Amino acid sequence: MVTKSFEWVKSSNGAIPSNAIAQGVERDGRPLYIARAFFKGGLHPGKAAPHLANGGFATGYAGHTVELNEYFVLCGNINSAQWIAEKGAVPKQGHGPALVEGGHEADGQPLYIAKVNFNNSQQLGKAGHHLSHGINFTYGDNERSQGDYMVLAYQ
């Protein structure tokens, strides 16, 4: 599936395509890639990397880290996008740049690609109109949220 100048490439078991978009980084400098996976009827944005346990992909769900071994990695030219600072829930579209939709909840509510500075790292996660606490992301075995974050938008 192609989304403007991006493409979601199916991957599994820690594999990362050569043109994947690394926009996160662990405390030790290892890159994190924008990714998404199907889970519980939704398509959830998260992070992928060869070093992630139990399959290479992680996202948050119901307060926990969900690790999966089949996922899609965002590939393309990141220069066609920009990170926009947000606070709390993502505002409804209609003004400003169009946000990069990374997936959806089981009920169809859109989820957007987001990242946050956390514990000397940049973690990737998801944000939405219905997520009032801001970004949801995983760190360790827990799903976390933070009010100040960035969301990916088209330029």
N, C-alpha and C. Protein backbone atom coordinates (compact mmCIF):
# COMPACT_ATOMS: atom_id res chain seq x y z
N MET A 1 0.84 -1.19 0.00
CA MET A 1 0.00 0.00 0.00
C MET A 1 0.88 1.24 0.00
N VAL A 2 0.60 2.19 -0.89
CA VAL A 2 1.37 3.42 -0.99
C VAL A 2 0.56 4.56 -0.39
N THR A 3 1.20 5.37 0.44
CA THR A 3 0.58 6.53 1.05
C THR A 3 1.42 7.74 0.68
N LYS A 4 0.96 8.52 -0.29
CA LYS A 4 1.73 9.65 -0.83
C LYS A 4 3.14 9.17 -1.17
N SER A 5 4.18 9.69 -0.53
CA SER A 5 5.55 9.28 -0.89
C SER A 5 6.09 8.19 0.03
N PHE A 6 5.21 7.54 0.75
CA PHE A 6 5.61 6.45 1.64
C PHE A 6 4.99 5.14 1.19
N GLU A 7 5.59 4.06 1.62
CA GLU A 7 5.07 2.73 1.32
C GLU A 7 5.24 1.86 2.56
N TRP A 8 4.21 1.08 2.88
CA TRP A 8 4.28 0.13 3.98
C TRP A 8 4.74 -1.21 3.42
N VAL A 9 5.87 -1.72 3.89
CA VAL A 9 6.46 -2.96 3.38
C VAL A 9 6.33 -4.04 4.44
N LYS A 10 5.74 -5.18 4.04
CA LYS A 10 5.55 -6.29 4.98
C LYS A 10 6.91 -6.87 5.37
N SER A 11 7.08 -7.08 6.67
CA SER A 11 8.32 -7.64 7.22
C SER A 11 7.98 -8.58 8.36
N SER A 12 8.98 -9.34 8.80
CA SER A 12 8.75 -10.25 9.92
C SER A 12 10.06 -10.60 10.61
N ASN A 13 9.93 -11.07 11.84
CA ASN A 13 11.05 -11.62 12.61
C ASN A 13 12.27 -10.72 12.68
N GLY A 14 12.06 -9.43 12.88
CA GLY A 14 13.17 -8.50 13.05
C GLY A 14 13.76 -7.95 11.78
N ALA A 15 13.27 -8.37 10.61
CA ALA A 15 13.80 -7.88 9.33
C ALA A 15 13.35 -6.43 9.12
N ILE A 16 14.26 -5.61 8.60
CA ILE A 16 13.99 -4.21 8.31
C ILE A 16 14.39 -3.95 6.86
N PRO A 17 13.48 -3.44 6.00
CA PRO A 17 13.83 -3.13 4.61
C PRO A 17 14.92 -2.07 4.53
N SER A 18 15.67 -2.08 3.43
CA SER A 18 16.82 -1.17 3.29
C SER A 18 16.41 0.30 3.24
N ASN A 19 15.21 0.61 2.78
CA ASN A 19 14.78 2.01 2.70
C ASN A 19 13.79 2.37 3.81
N ALA A 20 13.86 1.64 4.92
CA ALA A 20 12.99 1.90 6.07
C ALA A 20 13.32 3.25 6.70
N ILE A 21 12.32 3.84 7.34
CA ILE A 21 12.47 5.15 7.95
C ILE A 21 12.76 5.00 9.44
N ALA A 22 14.01 5.28 9.82
CA ALA A 22 14.42 5.24 11.23
C ALA A 22 14.22 6.64 11.80
N GLN A 23 13.27 6.77 12.71
CA GLN A 23 13.01 8.07 13.31
C GLN A 23 13.01 8.01 14.83
N GLY A 24 13.34 6.87 15.37
CA GLY A 24 13.49 6.72 16.81
C GLY A 24 14.88 6.20 17.11
N VAL A 25 15.27 6.27 18.38
CA VAL A 25 16.59 5.77 18.77
C VAL A 25 16.54 5.35 20.24
N GLU A 26 17.12 4.18 20.51
CA GLU A 26 17.23 3.69 21.89
C GLU A 26 18.30 4.48 22.64
N ARG A 27 18.32 4.35 23.95
CA ARG A 27 19.34 5.03 24.78
C ARG A 27 20.75 4.68 24.34
N ASP A 28 20.94 3.45 23.87
CA ASP A 28 22.28 3.01 23.47
C ASP A 28 22.61 3.32 22.02
N GLY A 29 21.74 4.05 21.32
CA GLY A 29 22.00 4.47 19.95
C GLY A 29 21.42 3.58 18.86
N ARG A 30 20.85 2.44 19.22
CA ARG A 30 20.26 1.57 18.19
C ARG A 30 19.01 2.23 17.61
N PRO A 31 18.86 2.17 16.26
CA PRO A 31 17.71 2.83 15.63
C PRO A 31 16.40 2.07 15.84
N LEU A 32 15.32 2.83 15.82
CA LEU A 32 13.96 2.30 15.85
C LEU A 32 13.25 2.78 14.59
N TYR A 33 12.50 1.89 13.96
CA TYR A 33 11.86 2.18 12.69
C TYR A 33 10.35 2.30 12.86
N ILE A 34 9.74 3.20 12.09
CA ILE A 34 8.30 3.38 12.11
C ILE A 34 7.65 2.13 11.52
N ALA A 35 6.71 1.55 12.26
CA ALA A 35 6.08 0.31 11.80
C ALA A 35 4.65 0.23 12.33
N ARG A 36 3.92 -0.76 11.84
CA ARG A 36 2.56 -1.01 12.32
C ARG A 36 2.24 -2.48 12.16
N ALA A 37 1.24 -2.94 12.91
CA ALA A 37 0.85 -4.35 12.84
C ALA A 37 -0.63 -4.50 13.21
N PHE A 38 -1.23 -5.56 12.69
CA PHE A 38 -2.61 -5.89 13.05
C PHE A 38 -2.64 -6.54 14.43
N PHE A 39 -3.59 -6.09 15.26
CA PHE A 39 -3.76 -6.67 16.59
C PHE A 39 -5.17 -6.36 17.09
N LYS A 40 -5.88 -7.38 17.54
CA LYS A 40 -7.22 -7.24 18.14
C LYS A 40 -8.16 -6.40 17.28
N GLY A 41 -8.15 -6.62 15.98
CA GLY A 41 -9.07 -5.94 15.07
C GLY A 41 -8.63 -4.57 14.63
N GLY A 42 -7.51 -4.07 15.13
CA GLY A 42 -7.00 -2.76 14.74
C GLY A 42 -5.68 -2.90 14.00
N LEU A 43 -5.20 -1.78 13.48
CA LEU A 43 -3.89 -1.70 12.84
C LEU A 43 -3.11 -0.65 13.62
N HIS A 44 -2.18 -1.10 14.47
CA HIS A 44 -1.56 -0.24 15.48
C HIS A 44 -0.14 0.17 15.11
N PRO A 45 0.13 1.50 15.05
CA PRO A 45 1.49 1.98 14.87
C PRO A 45 2.36 1.64 16.08
N GLY A 46 3.63 1.48 15.82
CA GLY A 46 4.59 1.19 16.88
C GLY A 46 6.00 1.30 16.34
N LYS A 47 6.87 0.44 16.81
CA LYS A 47 8.28 0.49 16.43
C LYS A 47 8.75 -0.91 16.04
N ALA A 48 9.73 -0.94 15.14
CA ALA A 48 10.35 -2.20 14.73
C ALA A 48 11.86 -2.03 14.76
N ALA A 49 12.54 -3.13 15.05
CA ALA A 49 14.00 -3.15 15.05
C ALA A 49 14.46 -4.59 15.23
N PRO A 50 15.63 -4.94 14.70
CA PRO A 50 16.12 -6.31 14.86
C PRO A 50 16.33 -6.72 16.31
N HIS A 51 16.62 -5.77 17.19
CA HIS A 51 16.92 -6.10 18.59
C HIS A 51 15.68 -6.24 19.47
N LEU A 52 14.50 -5.91 18.97
CA LEU A 52 13.30 -6.02 19.80
C LEU A 52 12.93 -7.48 20.01
N ALA A 53 12.56 -7.81 21.23
CA ALA A 53 12.29 -9.20 21.62
C ALA A 53 11.04 -9.74 20.95
N ASN A 54 10.99 -11.04 20.82
CA ASN A 54 9.80 -11.78 20.40
C ASN A 54 9.24 -11.35 19.06
N GLY A 55 10.09 -11.05 18.09
CA GLY A 55 9.59 -10.85 16.74
C GLY A 55 9.97 -9.60 16.02
N GLY A 56 10.45 -8.57 16.69
CA GLY A 56 10.92 -7.39 16.00
C GLY A 56 9.99 -6.20 15.98
N PHE A 57 8.75 -6.33 16.51
CA PHE A 57 7.79 -5.23 16.52
C PHE A 57 7.19 -5.09 17.91
N ALA A 58 6.98 -3.84 18.32
CA ALA A 58 6.33 -3.59 19.61
C ALA A 58 5.37 -2.41 19.49
N THR A 59 4.22 -2.55 20.13
CA THR A 59 3.25 -1.47 20.26
C THR A 59 2.59 -1.61 21.63
N GLY A 60 1.89 -0.58 22.03
CA GLY A 60 1.20 -0.64 23.30
C GLY A 60 -0.27 -0.96 23.12
N TYR A 61 -0.82 -1.70 24.09
CA TYR A 61 -2.25 -2.02 24.06
C TYR A 61 -2.70 -2.36 25.48
N ALA A 62 -3.71 -1.67 25.96
CA ALA A 62 -4.30 -1.93 27.28
C ALA A 62 -3.27 -1.92 28.40
N GLY A 63 -2.30 -1.00 28.31
CA GLY A 63 -1.32 -0.84 29.37
C GLY A 63 -0.10 -1.72 29.29
N HIS A 64 -0.03 -2.57 28.27
CA HIS A 64 1.08 -3.51 28.15
C HIS A 64 1.79 -3.36 26.81
N THR A 65 3.01 -3.87 26.75
CA THR A 65 3.73 -3.97 25.49
C THR A 65 3.27 -5.24 24.77
N VAL A 66 2.91 -5.08 23.51
CA VAL A 66 2.54 -6.20 22.65
C VAL A 66 3.68 -6.39 21.65
N GLU A 67 4.24 -7.59 21.61
CA GLU A 67 5.34 -7.90 20.69
C GLU A 67 4.84 -8.88 19.64
N LEU A 68 5.08 -8.56 18.37
CA LEU A 68 4.60 -9.38 17.27
C LEU A 68 5.72 -9.65 16.28
N ASN A 69 5.58 -10.74 15.51
CA ASN A 69 6.64 -11.08 14.56
C ASN A 69 6.25 -10.84 13.11
N GLU A 70 5.04 -10.32 12.85
CA GLU A 70 4.65 -9.91 11.51
C GLU A 70 4.16 -8.47 11.59
N TYR A 71 4.68 -7.61 10.70
CA TYR A 71 4.41 -6.18 10.78
C TYR A 71 4.72 -5.53 9.44
N PHE A 72 4.42 -4.26 9.33
CA PHE A 72 4.70 -3.46 8.14
C PHE A 72 5.60 -2.31 8.55
N VAL A 73 6.65 -2.06 7.77
CA VAL A 73 7.61 -1.01 8.06
C VAL A 73 7.41 0.13 7.07
N LEU A 74 7.40 1.37 7.56
CA LEU A 74 7.24 2.53 6.69
C LEU A 74 8.56 2.79 5.97
N CYS A 75 8.47 2.86 4.64
CA CYS A 75 9.65 3.08 3.81
C CYS A 75 9.40 4.29 2.91
N GLY A 76 10.48 4.92 2.49
CA GLY A 76 10.37 6.06 1.59
C GLY A 76 11.29 7.19 2.01
N ASN A 77 10.93 8.39 1.60
CA ASN A 77 11.75 9.57 1.81
C ASN A 77 11.15 10.42 2.94
N ILE A 78 11.79 10.43 4.07
CA ILE A 78 11.29 11.18 5.23
C ILE A 78 11.31 12.69 4.97
N ASN A 79 12.07 13.14 3.98
CA ASN A 79 12.13 14.57 3.67
C ASN A 79 10.80 15.11 3.15
N SER A 80 9.87 14.23 2.80
CA SER A 80 8.54 14.68 2.36
C SER A 80 7.59 14.84 3.55
N ALA A 81 8.13 14.71 4.76
CA ALA A 81 7.31 14.82 5.97
C ALA A 81 8.00 15.71 6.99
N GLN A 82 7.25 16.05 8.03
CA GLN A 82 7.79 16.88 9.11
C GLN A 82 7.16 16.43 10.43
N TRP A 83 7.87 16.68 11.51
CA TRP A 83 7.34 16.39 12.84
C TRP A 83 6.74 17.67 13.41
N ILE A 84 5.53 17.57 13.93
CA ILE A 84 4.82 18.71 14.50
C ILE A 84 4.60 18.46 15.99
N ALA A 85 4.94 19.45 16.80
CA ALA A 85 4.74 19.32 18.25
C ALA A 85 3.25 19.33 18.58
N GLU A 86 2.85 18.42 19.45
CA GLU A 86 1.45 18.32 19.90
C GLU A 86 1.43 18.17 21.41
N LYS A 87 0.25 18.39 21.96
CA LYS A 87 0.03 18.23 23.40
C LYS A 87 -1.37 17.65 23.58
N GLY A 88 -1.48 16.53 24.30
CA GLY A 88 -2.78 15.90 24.52
C GLY A 88 -3.26 15.19 23.27
N ALA A 89 -4.57 15.12 23.10
CA ALA A 89 -5.16 14.44 21.95
C ALA A 89 -4.80 15.16 20.65
N VAL A 90 -4.67 14.40 19.57
CA VAL A 90 -4.43 15.00 18.26
C VAL A 90 -5.69 15.78 17.88
N PRO A 91 -5.54 17.05 17.45
CA PRO A 91 -6.73 17.80 17.05
C PRO A 91 -7.34 17.23 15.76
N LYS A 92 -8.63 17.43 15.59
CA LYS A 92 -9.30 17.00 14.36
C LYS A 92 -8.66 17.72 13.18
N GLN A 93 -8.59 17.04 12.04
CA GLN A 93 -8.00 17.63 10.84
C GLN A 93 -8.91 18.71 10.28
N GLY A 94 -8.34 19.54 9.44
CA GLY A 94 -9.09 20.63 8.84
C GLY A 94 -8.26 21.90 8.80
N HIS A 95 -7.19 21.91 9.57
CA HIS A 95 -6.25 23.03 9.55
C HIS A 95 -4.84 22.46 9.67
N GLY A 96 -3.88 23.17 9.12
CA GLY A 96 -2.50 22.71 9.20
C GLY A 96 -2.22 21.55 8.26
N PRO A 97 -1.00 21.04 8.31
CA PRO A 97 -0.62 19.95 7.41
C PRO A 97 -1.38 18.65 7.72
N ALA A 98 -1.58 17.85 6.68
CA ALA A 98 -2.24 16.55 6.85
C ALA A 98 -1.32 15.61 7.61
N LEU A 99 -1.87 14.93 8.60
CA LEU A 99 -1.08 13.99 9.40
C LEU A 99 -0.94 12.66 8.68
N VAL A 100 0.16 11.97 8.94
CA VAL A 100 0.39 10.64 8.36
C VAL A 100 -0.36 9.63 9.22
N GLU A 101 -1.40 9.05 8.64
CA GLU A 101 -2.19 8.06 9.37
C GLU A 101 -1.43 6.74 9.36
N GLY A 102 -1.21 6.20 10.55
CA GLY A 102 -0.44 4.96 10.66
C GLY A 102 -1.30 3.73 10.85
N GLY A 103 -2.58 3.92 11.13
CA GLY A 103 -3.45 2.77 11.36
C GLY A 103 -4.77 3.20 11.94
N HIS A 104 -5.42 2.28 12.66
CA HIS A 104 -6.74 2.56 13.22
C HIS A 104 -7.04 1.59 14.36
N GLU A 105 -7.92 2.02 15.23
CA GLU A 105 -8.43 1.15 16.29
C GLU A 105 -9.42 0.16 15.68
N ALA A 106 -9.83 -0.84 16.43
CA ALA A 106 -10.80 -1.83 15.95
C ALA A 106 -12.12 -1.17 15.55
N ASP A 107 -12.46 -0.04 16.20
CA ASP A 107 -13.70 0.66 15.87
C ASP A 107 -13.54 1.67 14.75
N GLY A 108 -12.36 1.71 14.12
CA GLY A 108 -12.13 2.58 12.97
C GLY A 108 -11.52 3.93 13.28
N GLN A 109 -11.37 4.30 14.55
CA GLN A 109 -10.77 5.59 14.87
C GLN A 109 -9.33 5.62 14.39
N PRO A 110 -8.93 6.71 13.69
CA PRO A 110 -7.58 6.76 13.14
C PRO A 110 -6.50 6.87 14.22
N LEU A 111 -5.35 6.28 13.92
CA LEU A 111 -4.16 6.37 14.76
C LEU A 111 -3.05 6.97 13.92
N TYR A 112 -2.32 7.92 14.48
CA TYR A 112 -1.27 8.63 13.77
C TYR A 112 0.10 8.25 14.32
N ILE A 113 1.11 8.41 13.48
CA ILE A 113 2.49 8.09 13.84
C ILE A 113 3.01 9.21 14.74
N ALA A 114 3.57 8.84 15.88
CA ALA A 114 4.04 9.82 16.84
C ALA A 114 5.37 9.38 17.43
N LYS A 115 6.10 10.34 18.00
CA LYS A 115 7.34 10.01 18.72
C LYS A 115 7.49 10.95 19.90
N VAL A 116 8.30 10.50 20.86
CA VAL A 116 8.46 11.24 22.11
C VAL A 116 9.89 11.08 22.62
N ASN A 117 10.40 12.14 23.23
CA ASN A 117 11.67 12.05 23.94
C ASN A 117 11.39 11.46 25.31
N PHE A 118 12.06 10.35 25.63
CA PHE A 118 11.80 9.67 26.89
C PHE A 118 13.06 8.95 27.35
N ASN A 119 13.50 9.24 28.56
CA ASN A 119 14.61 8.52 29.19
C ASN A 119 15.84 8.46 28.29
N ASN A 120 16.25 9.61 27.76
CA ASN A 120 17.42 9.71 26.88
C ASN A 120 17.29 8.88 25.61
N SER A 121 16.07 8.75 25.12
CA SER A 121 15.81 8.04 23.86
C SER A 121 14.69 8.76 23.13
N GLN A 122 14.46 8.37 21.87
CA GLN A 122 13.29 8.84 21.12
C GLN A 122 12.47 7.61 20.78
N GLN A 123 11.32 7.47 21.42
CA GLN A 123 10.46 6.31 21.24
C GLN A 123 9.34 6.61 20.25
N LEU A 124 8.98 5.61 19.46
CA LEU A 124 7.90 5.73 18.48
C LEU A 124 6.62 5.15 19.05
N GLY A 125 5.49 5.72 18.66
CA GLY A 125 4.22 5.23 19.16
C GLY A 125 3.06 5.73 18.33
N LYS A 126 1.91 5.88 18.98
CA LYS A 126 0.68 6.26 18.29
C LYS A 126 -0.04 7.35 19.06
N ALA A 127 -0.79 8.16 18.31
CA ALA A 127 -1.61 9.21 18.90
C ALA A 127 -2.92 9.26 18.12
N GLY A 128 -3.95 9.81 18.75
CA GLY A 128 -5.25 9.89 18.09
C GLY A 128 -6.14 10.92 18.74
N HIS A 129 -7.26 11.23 18.07
CA HIS A 129 -8.22 12.19 18.61
C HIS A 129 -8.78 11.72 19.94
N HIS A 130 -8.89 10.42 20.11
CA HIS A 130 -9.51 9.82 21.29
C HIS A 130 -8.51 9.53 22.41
N LEU A 131 -7.22 9.73 22.16
CA LEU A 131 -6.18 9.45 23.17
C LEU A 131 -5.83 10.76 23.88
N SER A 132 -6.59 11.10 24.89
CA SER A 132 -6.49 12.42 25.53
C SER A 132 -5.18 12.65 26.27
N HIS A 133 -4.47 11.57 26.62
CA HIS A 133 -3.21 11.73 27.36
C HIS A 133 -2.03 11.97 26.43
N GLY A 134 -2.25 12.01 25.12
CA GLY A 134 -1.18 12.24 24.17
C GLY A 134 -0.72 10.96 23.51
N ILE A 135 0.58 10.82 23.36
CA ILE A 135 1.16 9.65 22.71
C ILE A 135 1.06 8.42 23.62
N ASN A 136 0.78 7.29 23.02
CA ASN A 136 0.91 5.99 23.69
C ASN A 136 2.11 5.30 23.05
N PHE A 137 3.04 4.83 23.88
CA PHE A 137 4.25 4.19 23.38
C PHE A 137 4.68 3.12 24.38
N THR A 138 5.59 2.27 23.95
CA THR A 138 6.07 1.22 24.85
C THR A 138 7.50 1.52 25.27
N TYR A 139 7.78 1.15 26.49
CA TYR A 139 9.14 1.22 27.02
C TYR A 139 9.23 0.14 28.08
N GLY A 140 10.14 -0.79 27.90
CA GLY A 140 10.18 -1.94 28.79
C GLY A 140 8.96 -2.80 28.51
N ASP A 141 8.31 -3.26 29.54
CA ASP A 141 7.14 -4.13 29.38
C ASP A 141 5.82 -3.38 29.49
N ASN A 142 5.87 -2.05 29.52
CA ASN A 142 4.66 -1.28 29.77
C ASN A 142 4.30 -0.35 28.62
N GLU A 143 3.00 -0.14 28.44
CA GLU A 143 2.52 0.94 27.58
C GLU A 143 2.51 2.19 28.44
N ARG A 144 3.04 3.26 27.89
CA ARG A 144 3.11 4.53 28.61
C ARG A 144 2.41 5.61 27.79
N SER A 145 2.13 6.73 28.42
CA SER A 145 1.59 7.88 27.70
C SER A 145 2.31 9.13 28.18
N GLN A 146 2.35 10.11 27.30
CA GLN A 146 2.98 11.38 27.64
C GLN A 146 2.26 12.48 26.87
N GLY A 147 2.03 13.60 27.53
CA GLY A 147 1.26 14.69 26.94
C GLY A 147 1.97 15.48 25.86
N ASP A 148 3.27 15.68 25.99
CA ASP A 148 4.04 16.43 25.00
C ASP A 148 4.74 15.45 24.08
N TYR A 149 4.52 15.58 22.79
CA TYR A 149 5.08 14.64 21.82
C TYR A 149 5.08 15.29 20.44
N MET A 150 5.48 14.54 19.42
CA MET A 150 5.46 15.00 18.04
C MET A 150 4.68 14.01 17.20
N VAL A 151 3.99 14.53 16.19
CA VAL A 151 3.21 13.69 15.28
C VAL A 151 3.71 13.94 13.86
N LEU A 152 3.77 12.90 13.05
CA LEU A 152 4.29 12.99 11.69
C LEU A 152 3.23 13.55 10.75
N ALA A 153 3.62 14.54 9.93
CA ALA A 153 2.70 15.18 8.98
C ALA A 153 3.39 15.32 7.63
N TYR A 154 2.58 15.38 6.58
CA TYR A 154 3.12 15.63 5.24
C TYR A 154 3.53 17.08 5.14
N GLN A 155 4.58 17.34 4.32
CA GLN A 155 5.01 18.73 4.10
C GLN A 155 4.18 19.35 3.00
